[in-house]
C-alpha atoms as a PDB file:
ATOM      1  CA  UNK A   1       5.877   5.999  -5.362  1.00  0.00           C
ATOM      2  CA  UNK A   2       6.634   9.220  -3.527  1.00  0.00           C
ATOM      3  CA  UNK A   3       9.389   9.384  -0.955  1.00  0.00           C
ATOM      4  CA  UNK A   4       9.443  11.775   1.984  1.00  0.00           C
ATOM      5  CA  UNK A   5      12.869  13.166   2.875  1.00  0.00           C
ATOM      6  CA  UNK A   6      13.134  14.774   6.291  1.00  0.00           C
ATOM      7  CA  UNK A   7      15.566  15.157   9.221  1.00  0.00           C
ATOM      8  CA  UNK A   8      14.554  11.699  10.471  1.00  0.00           C
ATOM      9  CA  UNK A   9      15.427  10.003   7.162  1.00  0.00           C
ATOM     10  CA  UNK A  10      13.787   9.057   3.877  1.00  0.00           C
ATOM     11  CA  UNK A  11      10.542   7.097   3.910  1.00  0.00           C
ATOM     12  CA  UNK A  12       8.286   5.796   1.141  1.00  0.00           C
ATOM     13  CA  UNK A  13       4.827   7.273   1.379  1.00  0.00           C
ATOM     14  CA  UNK A  14       2.256   4.469   1.368  1.00  0.00           C
ATOM     15  CA  UNK A  15       0.045   4.298  -1.693  1.00  0.00           C
ATOM     16  CA  UNK A  16      -2.780   3.113   0.579  1.00  0.00           C
ATOM     17  CA  UNK A  17      -3.258   3.535   4.305  1.00  0.00           C
ATOM     18  CA  UNK A  18      -4.583   1.156   6.931  1.00  0.00           C
ATOM     19  CA  UNK A  19      -7.680   2.025   8.928  1.00  0.00           C
ATOM     20  CA  UNK A  20      -5.442   2.802  11.915  1.00  0.00           C
ATOM     21  CA  UNK A  21      -3.254   5.111   9.839  1.00  0.00           C
ATOM     22  CA  UNK A  22      -6.319   6.914   8.455  1.00  0.00           C
ATOM     23  CA  UNK A  23      -7.620   7.338  12.004  1.00  0.00           C
ATOM     24  CA  UNK A  24      -4.260   8.806  13.023  1.00  0.00           C
ATOM     25  CA  UNK A  25      -4.297  11.169  10.036  1.00  0.00           C
ATOM     26  CA  UNK A  26      -7.842  12.261  10.906  1.00  0.00           C
ATOM     27  CA  UNK A  27      -6.837  12.827  14.539  1.00  0.00           C
ATOM     28  CA  UNK A  28      -3.882  14.990  13.470  1.00  0.00           C
ATOM     29  CA  UNK A  29      -5.688  16.914  10.727  1.00  0.00           C
ATOM     30  CA  UNK A  30      -9.420  16.760  11.403  1.00  0.00           C
ATOM     31  CA  UNK A  31      -9.897  15.763   7.762  1.00  0.00           C
ATOM     32  CA  UNK A  32     -11.880  12.915   6.262  1.00  0.00           C
ATOM     33  CA  UNK A  33     -10.046  10.679   3.767  1.00  0.00           C
ATOM     34  CA  UNK A  34     -11.680  12.354   0.751  1.00  0.00           C
ATOM     35  CA  UNK A  35     -10.447  15.764   1.886  1.00  0.00           C
ATOM     36  CA  UNK A  36      -6.729  14.952   2.163  1.00  0.00           C
ATOM     37  CA  UNK A  37      -5.758  15.451  -1.478  1.00  0.00           C
ATOM     38  CA  UNK A  38      -7.454  18.859  -1.685  1.00  0.00           C
ATOM     39  CA  UNK A  39      -5.891  19.934   1.618  1.00  0.00           C
ATOM     40  CA  UNK A  40      -2.440  18.923   0.324  1.00  0.00           C
ATOM     41  CA  UNK A  41      -3.042  21.008  -2.798  1.00  0.00           C
ATOM     42  CA  UNK A  42      -3.839  23.976  -0.601  1.00  0.00           C
ATOM     43  CA  UNK A  43      -0.648  23.547   1.430  1.00  0.00           C
ATOM     44  CA  UNK A  44      -2.243  22.299   4.661  1.00  0.00           C
ATOM     45  CA  UNK A  45       0.742  21.774   6.956  1.00  0.00           C
ATOM     46  CA  UNK A  46      -1.178  19.501   9.325  1.00  0.00           C
ATOM     47  CA  UNK A  47      -1.556  17.029   6.458  1.00  0.00           C
ATOM     48  CA  UNK A  48       2.176  17.203   5.732  1.00  0.00           C
ATOM     49  CA  UNK A  49       2.969  16.493   9.384  1.00  0.00           C
ATOM     50  CA  UNK A  50       0.514  13.595   9.508  1.00  0.00           C
ATOM     51  CA  UNK A  51       1.858  11.992   6.328  1.00  0.00           C
ATOM     52  CA  UNK A  52       5.444  12.273   7.555  1.00  0.00           C
ATOM     53  CA  UNK A  53       4.570  10.685  10.902  1.00  0.00           C
ATOM     54  CA  UNK A  54       2.528   7.853   9.367  1.00  0.00           C
ATOM     55  CA  UNK A  55       5.109   7.125   6.652  1.00  0.00           C
ATOM     56  CA  UNK A  56       8.007   7.095   9.120  1.00  0.00           C
ATOM     57  CA  UNK A  57       6.149   4.875  11.573  1.00  0.00           C
ATOM     58  CA  UNK A  58       5.214   2.418   8.828  1.00  0.00           C
ATOM     59  CA  UNK A  59       8.899   2.268   7.834  1.00  0.00           C
ATOM     60  CA  UNK A  60       9.808   1.361  11.426  1.00  0.00           C
ATOM     61  CA  UNK A  61      11.048   4.787  12.549  1.00  0.00           C
ATOM     62  CA  UNK A  62       9.083   5.874  15.620  1.00  0.00           C
ATOM     63  CA  UNK A  63       8.334   9.544  15.010  1.00  0.00           C
ATOM     64  CA  UNK A  64       5.920  11.750  16.917  1.00  0.00           C
ATOM     65  CA  UNK A  65       3.777  14.612  15.722  1.00  0.00           C
ATOM     66  CA  UNK A  66       5.444  16.858  18.327  1.00  0.00           C
ATOM     67  CA  UNK A  67       8.900  16.138  16.891  1.00  0.00           C
ATOM     68  CA  UNK A  68       7.866  17.037  13.347  1.00  0.00           C
ATOM     69  CA  UNK A  69       6.113  20.211  14.504  1.00  0.00           C
ATOM     70  CA  UNK A  70       9.457  21.544  15.757  1.00  0.00           C
ATOM     71  CA  UNK A  71      11.167  21.238  12.342  1.00  0.00           C
ATOM     72  CA  UNK A  72      11.546  24.188   9.984  1.00  0.00           C
ATOM     73  CA  UNK A  73       9.002  24.192   7.173  1.00  0.00           C
ATOM     74  CA  UNK A  74      11.713  23.629   4.555  1.00  0.00           C
ATOM     75  CA  UNK A  75      12.988  20.472   6.321  1.00  0.00           C
ATOM     76  CA  UNK A  76      10.565  18.191   4.460  1.00  0.00           C
ATOM     77  CA  UNK A  77      10.893  17.322   0.776  1.00  0.00           C
ATOM     78  CA  UNK A  78       8.710  15.151  -1.463  1.00  0.00           C
ATOM     79  CA  UNK A  79      10.803  13.110  -3.880  1.00  0.00           C
ATOM     80  CA  UNK A  80       9.945  10.791  -6.717  1.00  0.00           C
ATOM     81  CA  UNK A  81      11.098   7.250  -6.117  1.00  0.00           C
ATOM     82  CA  UNK A  82      14.901   7.568  -6.167  1.00  0.00           C
ATOM     83  CA  UNK A  83      15.222   3.975  -7.371  1.00  0.00           C
ATOM     84  CA  UNK A  84      13.006   3.604 -10.445  1.00  0.00           C
ATOM     85  CA  UNK A  85      11.990   0.123 -11.504  1.00  0.00           C
ATOM     86  CA  UNK A  86      14.279  -1.608 -13.960  1.00  0.00           C
ATOM     87  CA  UNK A  87      13.354  -0.995 -17.557  1.00  0.00           C
ATOM     88  CA  UNK A  88      12.357  -4.143 -19.345  1.00  0.00           C
ATOM     89  CA  UNK A  89      12.827  -4.421 -23.102  1.00  0.00           C
ATOM     90  CA  UNK A  90       9.603  -4.153 -25.039  1.00  0.00           C
ATOM     91  CA  UNK A  91       9.108  -7.611 -26.655  1.00  0.00           C
ATOM     92  CA  UNK A  92       7.042  -6.103 -29.473  1.00  0.00           C
ATOM     93  CA  UNK A  93      10.028  -4.103 -30.786  1.00  0.00           C
ATOM     94  CA  UNK A  94      12.794  -5.803 -32.656  1.00  0.00           C
END
């Protein structure tokens, strides 16, 4: 799971979005769900802003699009899950 680190805190990025969240992302970006991944790959900053806002709000931190738009572009980092799942011994290996 990816984690978004920003001035407002660190928030897990949802692996799936609700209909409401997708509507919010579309409102902020103008993109359809199938276009988000490609837009991210092209560095679309509106998508970054939308994902930060949606992820923060889902985590209980009320964050507005206007707040994020005032941050410097290097204020947002994408991290791998900082707390990986515990490794479980493979029962097939002795």
